[in-house]
Amino acid sequence: MPFIATNLTVLSAANGFTLWHYRTTDSRDQVQAADYFVPASKQMRAGDIVMAQTADATIMLPIRADNVTGSGLTLDAAGAPPELRRSGNLPFKLTLAGTPQTRAIILDPMPEAIEPGASIAVGASILGSIANITFQLVNTVGTILSTQNVAVGSGRATSLFAAQAPGGGYRIIAHNSADTSHSITSPPFAIGAPPRLLTEEGQVLRLETGSQLLLF
């Protein structure tokens, strides 16, 4: 089939150069034959390029003098439209800087037994940047019975809790108020009358108060 002028269109033109597009049912060999583009000699100039979609390939043809085409570049031998692909890698780098801080809550020792009605004194030594301590009194099953929020001063935090019902398994928990995951729990202690000291005086047992202990 001869050249069809209406199938020739301009894709881009600048500075005396034109990029053409030409679609045809002719084969690649027919389009690259001598004098194929002679009918377009008044439009094309040496140095122009034709993007040709033929029946069996997509090719790029440079135009030489007198509309003779140079050696073509085959883009796709299947005849599909040309496709340009671009890929790249985006590097990513993250740098984190930090300053380690030492923080610690050291509870004061708890008494083994506290008399009913007496206040429970709690205290803790604080290391590092901790501004407030939350003390909690819990029972043997972990129920919170009372809470005290205390400001840290000179590396210390102290508070008082009212004594609860007589029993065992009470504990004190001290939290960093700004970070509840940072905490410490005391060993269990009991609330109840402490054991009394017995003394012997001339085969007489006496309480530590001096009263005589009578056994029946």
N, C-alpha and C. Protein backbone atom coordinates (compact mmCIF):
# COMPACT_ATOMS: atom_id res chain seq x y z
N MET A 1 0.86 -1.19 0.00
CA MET A 1 0.00 0.00 0.00
C MET A 1 0.89 1.23 0.00
N PRO A 2 0.59 2.23 -0.82
CA PRO A 2 1.43 3.44 -0.88
C PRO A 2 1.25 4.30 0.37
N PHE A 3 2.09 5.31 0.46
CA PHE A 3 2.03 6.28 1.56
C PHE A 3 0.68 6.97 1.58
N ILE A 4 0.10 7.15 2.82
CA ILE A 4 -1.18 7.83 2.98
C ILE A 4 -0.93 9.11 3.77
N ALA A 5 -1.09 10.23 3.13
CA ALA A 5 -0.73 11.52 3.73
C ALA A 5 -1.53 11.83 5.00
N THR A 6 -2.79 11.42 5.01
CA THR A 6 -3.63 11.76 6.17
C THR A 6 -3.23 10.99 7.43
N ASN A 7 -2.42 9.94 7.26
CA ASN A 7 -1.96 9.18 8.44
C ASN A 7 -0.70 9.76 9.06
N LEU A 8 -0.19 10.84 8.48
CA LEU A 8 1.03 11.48 8.98
C LEU A 8 0.63 12.71 9.79
N THR A 9 1.04 12.76 11.06
CA THR A 9 0.71 13.88 11.94
C THR A 9 1.97 14.33 12.68
N VAL A 10 1.93 15.57 13.15
CA VAL A 10 3.05 16.15 13.89
C VAL A 10 2.87 15.88 15.38
N LEU A 11 3.89 15.28 16.01
CA LEU A 11 3.87 15.11 17.46
C LEU A 11 4.49 16.30 18.17
N SER A 12 5.58 16.82 17.60
CA SER A 12 6.27 17.97 18.21
C SER A 12 7.11 18.65 17.16
N ALA A 13 7.24 19.97 17.29
CA ALA A 13 8.07 20.73 16.34
C ALA A 13 8.71 21.90 17.07
N ALA A 14 10.02 22.07 16.88
CA ALA A 14 10.74 23.18 17.51
C ALA A 14 12.10 23.32 16.87
N ASN A 15 12.55 24.59 16.72
CA ASN A 15 13.90 24.88 16.22
C ASN A 15 14.21 24.17 14.90
N GLY A 16 13.24 24.14 13.99
CA GLY A 16 13.48 23.54 12.68
C GLY A 16 13.47 22.03 12.68
N PHE A 17 13.06 21.41 13.81
CA PHE A 17 13.00 19.95 13.89
C PHE A 17 11.55 19.54 14.13
N THR A 18 11.15 18.42 13.47
CA THR A 18 9.78 17.92 13.63
C THR A 18 9.82 16.43 13.94
N LEU A 19 9.05 16.06 14.96
CA LEU A 19 8.85 14.65 15.28
C LEU A 19 7.47 14.26 14.75
N TRP A 20 7.47 13.29 13.81
CA TRP A 20 6.24 12.88 13.13
C TRP A 20 5.72 11.56 13.68
N HIS A 21 4.42 11.36 13.51
CA HIS A 21 3.82 10.06 13.80
C HIS A 21 3.10 9.59 12.54
N TYR A 22 3.35 8.30 12.21
CA TYR A 22 2.72 7.74 11.00
C TYR A 22 2.20 6.35 11.32
N ARG A 23 0.91 6.14 11.05
CA ARG A 23 0.29 4.84 11.28
C ARG A 23 -0.13 4.24 9.93
N THR A 24 0.19 2.93 9.74
CA THR A 24 -0.12 2.28 8.47
C THR A 24 -0.30 0.78 8.65
N THR A 25 -0.97 0.17 7.71
CA THR A 25 -1.09 -1.29 7.71
C THR A 25 0.02 -1.94 6.88
N ASP A 26 0.90 -1.11 6.34
CA ASP A 26 2.07 -1.65 5.63
C ASP A 26 3.04 -2.27 6.63
N SER A 27 3.93 -3.11 6.11
CA SER A 27 4.93 -3.75 6.96
C SER A 27 6.09 -2.80 7.23
N ARG A 28 6.92 -3.20 8.15
CA ARG A 28 8.12 -2.43 8.45
C ARG A 28 9.01 -2.31 7.22
N ASP A 29 9.21 -3.39 6.49
CA ASP A 29 10.08 -3.35 5.32
C ASP A 29 9.54 -2.41 4.27
N GLN A 30 8.22 -2.37 4.08
CA GLN A 30 7.64 -1.48 3.07
C GLN A 30 7.87 -0.01 3.43
N VAL A 31 7.69 0.31 4.72
CA VAL A 31 7.85 1.70 5.15
C VAL A 31 9.31 2.14 5.03
N GLN A 32 10.25 1.20 5.24
CA GLN A 32 11.66 1.55 5.16
C GLN A 32 12.21 1.49 3.73
N ALA A 33 11.36 1.16 2.77
CA ALA A 33 11.81 1.09 1.37
C ALA A 33 12.11 2.50 0.85
N ALA A 34 12.97 2.55 -0.16
CA ALA A 34 13.34 3.84 -0.75
C ALA A 34 12.12 4.52 -1.34
N ASP A 35 12.08 5.86 -1.20
CA ASP A 35 11.05 6.72 -1.79
C ASP A 35 9.67 6.55 -1.17
N TYR A 36 9.53 5.82 -0.03
CA TYR A 36 8.19 5.64 0.55
C TYR A 36 7.60 6.98 0.97
N PHE A 37 8.46 7.86 1.54
CA PHE A 37 7.95 9.13 2.05
C PHE A 37 8.11 10.29 1.05
N VAL A 38 8.43 9.95 -0.20
CA VAL A 38 8.57 11.02 -1.20
C VAL A 38 7.33 11.89 -1.30
N PRO A 39 6.09 11.35 -1.21
CA PRO A 39 4.91 12.23 -1.30
C PRO A 39 4.88 13.31 -0.22
N ALA A 40 5.64 13.13 0.87
CA ALA A 40 5.66 14.13 1.94
C ALA A 40 6.92 14.99 1.87
N SER A 41 7.54 15.03 0.73
CA SER A 41 8.82 15.74 0.60
C SER A 41 8.70 17.23 0.90
N LYS A 42 7.53 17.82 0.65
CA LYS A 42 7.37 19.25 0.91
C LYS A 42 7.19 19.54 2.41
N GLN A 43 6.87 18.52 3.17
CA GLN A 43 6.65 18.71 4.61
C GLN A 43 7.88 18.33 5.44
N MET A 44 8.52 17.25 5.07
CA MET A 44 9.63 16.73 5.86
C MET A 44 10.95 17.35 5.45
N ARG A 45 11.83 17.48 6.47
CA ARG A 45 13.16 18.01 6.23
C ARG A 45 14.19 17.05 6.77
N ALA A 46 15.37 17.15 6.19
CA ALA A 46 16.45 16.27 6.67
C ALA A 46 16.67 16.50 8.17
N GLY A 47 16.78 15.42 8.92
CA GLY A 47 16.95 15.52 10.37
C GLY A 47 15.68 15.25 11.14
N ASP A 48 14.52 15.30 10.47
CA ASP A 48 13.27 14.97 11.15
C ASP A 48 13.26 13.48 11.50
N ILE A 49 12.40 13.12 12.42
CA ILE A 49 12.25 11.72 12.82
C ILE A 49 10.78 11.34 12.72
N VAL A 50 10.56 10.13 12.19
CA VAL A 50 9.20 9.61 12.05
C VAL A 50 9.03 8.43 13.01
N MET A 51 8.02 8.52 13.87
CA MET A 51 7.62 7.39 14.71
C MET A 51 6.53 6.66 13.93
N ALA A 52 6.87 5.48 13.40
CA ALA A 52 5.96 4.76 12.51
C ALA A 52 5.42 3.50 13.19
N GLN A 53 4.09 3.38 13.20
CA GLN A 53 3.45 2.17 13.70
C GLN A 53 2.98 1.37 12.50
N THR A 54 3.74 0.31 12.20
CA THR A 54 3.44 -0.51 11.03
C THR A 54 2.68 -1.76 11.44
N ALA A 55 2.41 -2.61 10.47
CA ALA A 55 1.63 -3.81 10.75
C ALA A 55 2.39 -4.80 11.62
N ASP A 56 3.71 -4.77 11.58
CA ASP A 56 4.47 -5.78 12.32
C ASP A 56 5.51 -5.19 13.27
N ALA A 57 5.55 -3.87 13.43
CA ALA A 57 6.53 -3.29 14.33
C ALA A 57 6.23 -1.81 14.55
N THR A 58 6.85 -1.27 15.60
CA THR A 58 6.87 0.17 15.82
C THR A 58 8.32 0.60 15.69
N ILE A 59 8.60 1.57 14.79
CA ILE A 59 9.98 1.93 14.47
C ILE A 59 10.15 3.45 14.49
N MET A 60 11.41 3.86 14.66
CA MET A 60 11.75 5.28 14.54
C MET A 60 12.69 5.43 13.36
N LEU A 61 12.33 6.32 12.43
CA LEU A 61 13.10 6.49 11.19
C LEU A 61 13.61 7.91 11.08
N PRO A 62 14.93 8.11 10.93
CA PRO A 62 15.45 9.45 10.66
C PRO A 62 15.30 9.78 9.17
N ILE A 63 14.96 11.02 8.85
CA ILE A 63 14.79 11.45 7.46
C ILE A 63 16.10 12.07 6.97
N ARG A 64 16.58 11.55 5.85
CA ARG A 64 17.80 12.08 5.23
C ARG A 64 17.40 13.02 4.09
N ALA A 65 18.38 13.46 3.36
CA ALA A 65 18.10 14.34 2.22
C ALA A 65 17.24 13.63 1.20
N ASP A 66 16.38 14.39 0.53
CA ASP A 66 15.49 13.87 -0.50
C ASP A 66 14.52 12.83 0.06
N ASN A 67 14.17 12.95 1.36
CA ASN A 67 13.19 12.06 2.01
C ASN A 67 13.59 10.60 2.01
N VAL A 68 14.88 10.35 1.95
CA VAL A 68 15.37 8.99 2.10
C VAL A 68 15.51 8.72 3.59
N THR A 69 15.00 7.60 4.08
CA THR A 69 15.09 7.28 5.50
C THR A 69 16.40 6.58 5.81
N GLY A 70 16.94 6.88 7.01
CA GLY A 70 18.15 6.22 7.45
C GLY A 70 17.83 4.89 8.10
N SER A 71 18.85 4.28 8.72
CA SER A 71 18.64 3.00 9.40
C SER A 71 17.64 3.21 10.53
N GLY A 72 16.57 2.44 10.51
CA GLY A 72 15.52 2.60 11.50
C GLY A 72 15.85 1.91 12.82
N LEU A 73 15.22 2.37 13.88
CA LEU A 73 15.34 1.75 15.19
C LEU A 73 14.01 1.07 15.51
N THR A 74 14.05 -0.26 15.66
CA THR A 74 12.83 -1.00 15.97
C THR A 74 12.56 -0.92 17.48
N LEU A 75 11.43 -0.36 17.83
CA LEU A 75 11.07 -0.23 19.25
C LEU A 75 10.32 -1.45 19.74
N ASP A 76 9.47 -1.99 18.89
CA ASP A 76 8.65 -3.14 19.31
C ASP A 76 8.31 -3.94 18.07
N ALA A 77 8.80 -5.17 18.02
CA ALA A 77 8.57 -6.00 16.85
C ALA A 77 7.16 -6.55 16.78
N ALA A 78 6.37 -6.36 17.83
CA ALA A 78 4.99 -6.84 17.81
C ALA A 78 4.04 -5.81 17.24
N GLY A 79 4.53 -4.62 17.00
CA GLY A 79 3.68 -3.62 16.41
C GLY A 79 2.85 -2.84 17.39
N ALA A 80 3.03 -3.04 18.72
CA ALA A 80 2.24 -2.31 19.71
C ALA A 80 2.78 -0.90 19.85
N PRO A 81 2.01 0.03 20.38
CA PRO A 81 2.50 1.40 20.57
C PRO A 81 3.73 1.41 21.45
N PRO A 82 4.65 2.35 21.22
CA PRO A 82 5.86 2.41 22.04
C PRO A 82 5.53 2.72 23.50
N GLU A 83 6.34 2.21 24.39
CA GLU A 83 6.11 2.41 25.82
C GLU A 83 7.43 2.75 26.47
N LEU A 84 7.45 3.84 27.20
CA LEU A 84 8.64 4.26 27.92
C LEU A 84 8.44 4.00 29.40
N ARG A 85 9.40 3.36 29.99
CA ARG A 85 9.30 3.04 31.42
C ARG A 85 10.48 3.65 32.16
N ARG A 86 10.21 4.09 33.38
CA ARG A 86 11.26 4.67 34.20
C ARG A 86 11.09 4.16 35.61
N SER A 87 12.19 3.79 36.21
CA SER A 87 12.15 3.33 37.58
C SER A 87 13.31 3.93 38.34
N GLY A 88 13.21 3.94 39.63
CA GLY A 88 14.28 4.50 40.45
C GLY A 88 14.15 4.04 41.88
N ASN A 89 15.21 4.19 42.61
CA ASN A 89 15.24 3.85 44.02
C ASN A 89 15.33 5.13 44.84
N LEU A 90 14.51 5.21 45.86
CA LEU A 90 14.51 6.36 46.74
C LEU A 90 15.17 5.96 48.05
N PRO A 91 16.41 6.39 48.27
CA PRO A 91 17.08 6.01 49.53
C PRO A 91 16.43 6.71 50.72
N PHE A 92 16.40 6.02 51.84
CA PHE A 92 15.78 6.58 53.05
C PHE A 92 16.69 6.27 54.23
N LYS A 93 16.98 7.27 55.00
CA LYS A 93 17.84 7.09 56.16
C LYS A 93 17.27 7.87 57.33
N LEU A 94 17.21 7.22 58.48
CA LEU A 94 16.68 7.84 59.68
C LEU A 94 17.70 7.70 60.79
N THR A 95 18.03 8.81 61.41
CA THR A 95 18.99 8.81 62.51
C THR A 95 18.30 9.36 63.75
N LEU A 96 18.34 8.59 64.81
CA LEU A 96 17.76 9.01 66.08
C LEU A 96 18.88 9.21 67.09
N ALA A 97 18.81 10.33 67.80
CA ALA A 97 19.79 10.61 68.83
C ALA A 97 19.07 10.72 70.18
N GLY A 98 19.67 10.20 71.18
CA GLY A 98 19.03 10.25 72.49
C GLY A 98 20.07 10.32 73.60
N THR A 99 19.61 10.80 74.75
CA THR A 99 20.45 10.88 75.93
C THR A 99 19.87 9.98 77.01
N PRO A 100 20.61 8.97 77.47
CA PRO A 100 20.07 8.08 78.50
C PRO A 100 19.88 8.81 79.82
N GLN A 101 18.80 8.47 80.53
CA GLN A 101 18.52 9.04 81.83
C GLN A 101 18.28 7.92 82.83
N THR A 102 18.87 8.06 83.99
CA THR A 102 18.68 7.07 85.05
C THR A 102 17.52 7.52 85.92
N ARG A 103 16.54 6.64 86.08
CA ARG A 103 15.40 6.92 86.94
C ARG A 103 15.15 5.70 87.82
N ALA A 104 14.89 5.94 89.08
CA ALA A 104 14.65 4.83 89.99
C ALA A 104 13.76 5.28 91.14
N ILE A 105 12.92 4.35 91.61
CA ILE A 105 12.08 4.56 92.79
C ILE A 105 12.47 3.47 93.79
N ILE A 106 12.95 3.87 94.95
CA ILE A 106 13.39 2.92 95.97
C ILE A 106 12.50 3.08 97.19
N LEU A 107 11.61 2.12 97.42
CA LEU A 107 10.69 2.20 98.56
C LEU A 107 11.42 1.97 99.88
N ASP A 108 10.99 2.71 100.89
CA ASP A 108 11.50 2.45 102.24
C ASP A 108 10.96 1.10 102.72
N PRO A 109 11.70 0.40 103.60
CA PRO A 109 11.19 -0.87 104.14
C PRO A 109 9.87 -0.66 104.87
N MET A 110 8.96 -1.61 104.72
CA MET A 110 7.67 -1.57 105.40
C MET A 110 7.74 -2.42 106.68
N PRO A 111 7.04 -2.01 107.75
CA PRO A 111 7.00 -2.85 108.96
C PRO A 111 6.26 -4.15 108.68
N GLU A 112 6.62 -5.18 109.43
CA GLU A 112 5.95 -6.47 109.22
C GLU A 112 4.50 -6.43 109.69
N ALA A 113 4.21 -5.62 110.69
CA ALA A 113 2.84 -5.52 111.21
C ALA A 113 2.59 -4.11 111.69
N ILE A 114 1.37 -3.63 111.47
CA ILE A 114 0.95 -2.29 111.87
C ILE A 114 -0.28 -2.44 112.75
N GLU A 115 -0.30 -1.73 113.87
CA GLU A 115 -1.42 -1.85 114.79
C GLU A 115 -2.66 -1.20 114.19
N PRO A 116 -3.85 -1.77 114.41
CA PRO A 116 -5.09 -1.15 113.93
C PRO A 116 -5.24 0.27 114.47
N GLY A 117 -5.69 1.17 113.62
CA GLY A 117 -5.86 2.56 114.01
C GLY A 117 -4.64 3.42 113.79
N ALA A 118 -3.48 2.81 113.59
CA ALA A 118 -2.25 3.59 113.36
C ALA A 118 -2.15 3.99 111.88
N SER A 119 -1.47 5.10 111.62
CA SER A 119 -1.25 5.53 110.24
C SER A 119 -0.13 4.70 109.62
N ILE A 120 -0.23 4.49 108.32
CA ILE A 120 0.80 3.76 107.59
C ILE A 120 1.71 4.77 106.92
N ALA A 121 2.91 4.90 107.39
CA ALA A 121 3.88 5.84 106.81
C ALA A 121 4.62 5.17 105.66
N VAL A 122 4.61 5.81 104.51
CA VAL A 122 5.32 5.27 103.35
C VAL A 122 6.29 6.33 102.84
N GLY A 123 7.38 5.90 102.29
CA GLY A 123 8.36 6.82 101.73
C GLY A 123 9.17 6.15 100.65
N ALA A 124 9.78 6.97 99.81
CA ALA A 124 10.60 6.43 98.72
C ALA A 124 11.71 7.41 98.40
N SER A 125 12.88 6.89 98.08
CA SER A 125 13.98 7.69 97.57
C SER A 125 13.90 7.69 96.04
N ILE A 126 14.10 8.84 95.45
CA ILE A 126 13.89 9.01 94.00
C ILE A 126 15.21 9.39 93.34
N LEU A 127 15.54 8.70 92.26
CA LEU A 127 16.71 9.02 91.44
C LEU A 127 16.25 9.45 90.06
N GLY A 128 16.85 10.50 89.55
CA GLY A 128 16.53 10.93 88.19
C GLY A 128 15.41 11.95 88.15
N SER A 129 14.97 12.25 86.91
CA SER A 129 13.98 13.31 86.68
C SER A 129 12.56 12.79 86.85
N ILE A 130 12.16 12.62 88.09
CA ILE A 130 10.79 12.23 88.42
C ILE A 130 10.21 13.33 89.30
N ALA A 131 9.13 13.96 88.84
CA ALA A 131 8.58 15.11 89.55
C ALA A 131 7.53 14.73 90.58
N ASN A 132 6.77 13.68 90.29
CA ASN A 132 5.68 13.30 91.19
C ASN A 132 5.60 11.78 91.32
N ILE A 133 5.20 11.34 92.51
CA ILE A 133 5.02 9.93 92.80
C ILE A 133 3.57 9.69 93.22
N THR A 134 2.99 8.62 92.69
CA THR A 134 1.65 8.21 93.09
C THR A 134 1.77 6.94 93.93
N PHE A 135 1.42 7.06 95.23
CA PHE A 135 1.41 5.90 96.12
C PHE A 135 0.01 5.30 96.13
N GLN A 136 -0.07 3.97 96.13
CA GLN A 136 -1.35 3.26 96.23
C GLN A 136 -1.25 2.18 97.28
N LEU A 137 -2.30 2.10 98.10
CA LEU A 137 -2.43 1.02 99.08
C LEU A 137 -3.39 -0.01 98.50
N VAL A 138 -2.91 -1.26 98.35
CA VAL A 138 -3.75 -2.31 97.78
C VAL A 138 -3.85 -3.46 98.77
N ASN A 139 -4.95 -4.24 98.63
CA ASN A 139 -5.12 -5.39 99.51
C ASN A 139 -4.54 -6.64 98.87
N THR A 140 -4.81 -7.78 99.47
CA THR A 140 -4.17 -9.02 99.03
C THR A 140 -4.58 -9.46 97.64
N VAL A 141 -5.76 -8.98 97.14
CA VAL A 141 -6.21 -9.35 95.80
C VAL A 141 -5.92 -8.24 94.79
N GLY A 142 -5.21 -7.19 95.21
CA GLY A 142 -4.82 -6.13 94.29
C GLY A 142 -5.81 -5.00 94.16
N THR A 143 -6.88 -4.98 94.97
CA THR A 143 -7.85 -3.88 94.92
C THR A 143 -7.22 -2.62 95.50
N ILE A 144 -7.34 -1.50 94.80
CA ILE A 144 -6.78 -0.24 95.28
C ILE A 144 -7.69 0.32 96.37
N LEU A 145 -7.14 0.49 97.57
CA LEU A 145 -7.91 0.99 98.71
C LEU A 145 -7.76 2.48 98.90
N SER A 146 -6.62 3.04 98.53
CA SER A 146 -6.38 4.47 98.70
C SER A 146 -5.24 4.89 97.78
N THR A 147 -5.29 6.16 97.33
CA THR A 147 -4.27 6.71 96.44
C THR A 147 -3.81 8.06 96.95
N GLN A 148 -2.51 8.30 96.91
CA GLN A 148 -1.94 9.58 97.32
C GLN A 148 -0.96 10.04 96.25
N ASN A 149 -1.12 11.28 95.74
CA ASN A 149 -0.18 11.88 94.78
C ASN A 149 0.73 12.85 95.52
N VAL A 150 2.03 12.64 95.38
CA VAL A 150 3.00 13.39 96.18
C VAL A 150 4.08 13.98 95.27
N ALA A 151 4.42 15.25 95.51
CA ALA A 151 5.52 15.87 94.77
C ALA A 151 6.85 15.40 95.35
N VAL A 152 7.83 15.24 94.47
CA VAL A 152 9.16 14.83 94.89
C VAL A 152 9.96 16.06 95.30
N GLY A 153 10.58 16.00 96.47
CA GLY A 153 11.40 17.10 96.94
C GLY A 153 12.70 16.58 97.52
N SER A 154 13.82 17.12 97.04
CA SER A 154 15.15 16.71 97.51
C SER A 154 15.34 15.19 97.41
N GLY A 155 14.81 14.60 96.37
CA GLY A 155 15.00 13.18 96.14
C GLY A 155 14.17 12.28 97.02
N ARG A 156 13.11 12.83 97.65
CA ARG A 156 12.27 12.03 98.53
C ARG A 156 10.80 12.30 98.25
N ALA A 157 9.98 11.27 98.51
CA ALA A 157 8.53 11.40 98.45
C ALA A 157 7.96 10.58 99.60
N THR A 158 7.10 11.20 100.42
CA THR A 158 6.53 10.52 101.58
C THR A 158 5.04 10.80 101.66
N SER A 159 4.31 9.90 102.33
CA SER A 159 2.87 10.07 102.51
C SER A 159 2.40 9.21 103.67
N LEU A 160 1.14 9.41 104.07
CA LEU A 160 0.51 8.64 105.14
C LEU A 160 -0.79 8.05 104.65
N PHE A 161 -1.04 6.79 105.00
CA PHE A 161 -2.31 6.13 104.72
C PHE A 161 -2.94 5.74 106.05
N ALA A 162 -4.26 5.85 106.12
CA ALA A 162 -4.96 5.36 107.30
C ALA A 162 -4.93 3.84 107.32
N ALA A 163 -4.72 3.28 108.51
CA ALA A 163 -4.67 1.82 108.64
C ALA A 163 -6.03 1.22 108.28
N GLN A 164 -6.00 0.07 107.63
CA GLN A 164 -7.22 -0.59 107.21
C GLN A 164 -7.62 -1.66 108.23
N ALA A 165 -8.59 -2.46 107.83
CA ALA A 165 -9.04 -3.54 108.72
C ALA A 165 -7.91 -4.52 108.95
N PRO A 166 -7.87 -5.15 110.15
CA PRO A 166 -6.82 -6.12 110.42
C PRO A 166 -6.80 -7.21 109.36
N GLY A 167 -5.63 -7.60 108.98
CA GLY A 167 -5.48 -8.64 107.96
C GLY A 167 -4.08 -8.60 107.39
N GLY A 168 -3.79 -9.52 106.50
CA GLY A 168 -2.47 -9.60 105.89
C GLY A 168 -2.54 -9.38 104.39
N GLY A 169 -1.37 -9.33 103.76
CA GLY A 169 -1.29 -9.21 102.31
C GLY A 169 -1.41 -7.81 101.76
N TYR A 170 -1.40 -6.79 102.61
CA TYR A 170 -1.42 -5.42 102.11
C TYR A 170 -0.08 -5.09 101.45
N ARG A 171 -0.13 -4.21 100.44
CA ARG A 171 1.09 -3.78 99.76
C ARG A 171 0.98 -2.29 99.42
N ILE A 172 2.15 -1.67 99.26
CA ILE A 172 2.23 -0.30 98.77
C ILE A 172 2.85 -0.33 97.37
N ILE A 173 2.22 0.36 96.41
CA ILE A 173 2.75 0.51 95.06
C ILE A 173 3.10 1.97 94.84
N ALA A 174 4.30 2.23 94.34
CA ALA A 174 4.74 3.59 94.04
C ALA A 174 4.94 3.72 92.53
N HIS A 175 4.20 4.65 91.89
CA HIS A 175 4.29 4.89 90.45
C HIS A 175 4.98 6.22 90.18
N ASN A 176 5.72 6.26 89.08
CA ASN A 176 6.10 7.55 88.49
C ASN A 176 4.82 8.12 87.87
N SER A 177 4.34 9.25 88.38
CA SER A 177 3.04 9.78 87.92
C SER A 177 3.03 10.08 86.43
N ALA A 178 4.19 10.38 85.84
CA ALA A 178 4.26 10.70 84.41
C ALA A 178 4.46 9.46 83.56
N ASP A 179 4.73 8.30 84.17
CA ASP A 179 4.98 7.06 83.42
C ASP A 179 4.54 5.90 84.30
N THR A 180 3.27 5.49 84.17
CA THR A 180 2.72 4.48 85.06
C THR A 180 3.36 3.11 84.87
N SER A 181 4.11 2.92 83.76
CA SER A 181 4.81 1.65 83.58
C SER A 181 6.04 1.56 84.48
N HIS A 182 6.44 2.70 85.03
CA HIS A 182 7.60 2.74 85.93
C HIS A 182 7.09 2.72 87.37
N SER A 183 7.17 1.59 88.03
CA SER A 183 6.61 1.46 89.37
C SER A 183 7.38 0.41 90.16
N ILE A 184 7.10 0.37 91.47
CA ILE A 184 7.70 -0.62 92.36
C ILE A 184 6.66 -0.98 93.41
N THR A 185 6.68 -2.24 93.83
CA THR A 185 5.69 -2.75 94.79
C THR A 185 6.42 -3.28 96.02
N SER A 186 5.89 -2.95 97.18
CA SER A 186 6.50 -3.39 98.44
C SER A 186 6.19 -4.85 98.72
N PRO A 187 6.98 -5.48 99.59
CA PRO A 187 6.60 -6.81 100.08
C PRO A 187 5.29 -6.69 100.88
N PRO A 188 4.57 -7.79 101.04
CA PRO A 188 3.31 -7.72 101.80
C PRO A 188 3.56 -7.45 103.27
N PHE A 189 2.59 -6.76 103.90
CA PHE A 189 2.66 -6.51 105.34
C PHE A 189 1.26 -6.71 105.92
N ALA A 190 1.21 -6.82 107.25
CA ALA A 190 -0.06 -7.10 107.93
C ALA A 190 -0.46 -5.94 108.81
N ILE A 191 -1.77 -5.86 109.05
CA ILE A 191 -2.33 -4.91 110.01
C ILE A 191 -2.96 -5.73 111.13
N GLY A 192 -2.46 -5.55 112.35
CA GLY A 192 -2.97 -6.32 113.48
C GLY A 192 -2.10 -6.08 114.69
N ALA A 193 -2.56 -6.58 115.82
CA ALA A 193 -1.79 -6.40 117.06
C ALA A 193 -0.48 -7.15 116.96
N PRO A 194 0.65 -6.50 117.28
CA PRO A 194 1.95 -7.17 117.18
C PRO A 194 2.11 -8.18 118.31
N PRO A 195 2.99 -9.15 118.18
CA PRO A 195 3.23 -10.10 119.26
C PRO A 195 3.82 -9.42 120.49
N ARG A 196 3.44 -9.93 121.68
CA ARG A 196 3.91 -9.34 122.93
C ARG A 196 5.06 -10.17 123.48
N LEU A 197 5.97 -9.47 124.15
CA LEU A 197 7.12 -10.13 124.74
C LEU A 197 6.77 -10.63 126.14
N LEU A 198 7.05 -11.89 126.42
CA LEU A 198 6.83 -12.47 127.74
C LEU A 198 8.17 -12.56 128.47
N THR A 199 8.13 -12.22 129.75
CA THR A 199 9.31 -12.35 130.60
C THR A 199 8.99 -13.23 131.79
N GLU A 200 10.03 -13.80 132.36
CA GLU A 200 9.84 -14.68 133.53
C GLU A 200 10.51 -14.03 134.74
N GLU A 201 9.78 -14.00 135.82
CA GLU A 201 10.29 -13.41 137.05
C GLU A 201 9.89 -14.27 138.23
N GLY A 202 10.83 -15.05 138.76
CA GLY A 202 10.53 -15.93 139.89
C GLY A 202 9.39 -16.87 139.61
N GLN A 203 9.46 -17.57 138.49
CA GLN A 203 8.46 -18.53 138.05
C GLN A 203 7.11 -17.89 137.75
N VAL A 204 7.12 -16.56 137.55
CA VAL A 204 5.91 -15.84 137.17
C VAL A 204 6.13 -15.26 135.77
N LEU A 205 5.21 -15.53 134.83
CA LEU A 205 5.28 -14.97 133.49
C LEU A 205 4.63 -13.59 133.49
N ARG A 206 5.31 -12.65 132.93
CA ARG A 206 4.77 -11.29 132.87
C ARG A 206 4.80 -10.79 131.41
N LEU A 207 3.79 -9.95 131.08
CA LEU A 207 3.77 -9.29 129.77
C LEU A 207 4.81 -8.19 129.77
N GLU A 208 5.12 -7.66 128.60
CA GLU A 208 6.13 -6.60 128.54
C GLU A 208 5.67 -5.33 129.23
N THR A 209 4.35 -5.24 129.51
CA THR A 209 3.85 -4.10 130.25
C THR A 209 4.07 -4.28 131.76
N GLY A 210 4.46 -5.49 132.18
CA GLY A 210 4.68 -5.76 133.59
C GLY A 210 3.54 -6.54 134.24
N SER A 211 2.42 -6.68 133.51
CA SER A 211 1.28 -7.41 134.06
C SER A 211 1.59 -8.88 134.12
N GLN A 212 1.02 -9.55 135.18
CA GLN A 212 1.25 -10.99 135.33
C GLN A 212 0.35 -11.75 134.39
N LEU A 213 0.93 -12.77 133.73
CA LEU A 213 0.19 -13.61 132.81
C LEU A 213 -0.25 -14.86 133.57
N LEU A 214 -1.56 -15.07 133.65
CA LEU A 214 -2.10 -16.22 134.37
C LEU A 214 -2.54 -17.26 133.34
N LEU A 215 -2.09 -18.46 133.55
CA LEU A 215 -2.46 -19.57 132.69
C LEU A 215 -3.39 -20.50 133.44
N PHE A 216 -4.50 -20.90 132.83
CA PHE A 216 -5.47 -21.80 133.47
C PHE A 216 -5.48 -23.12 132.72
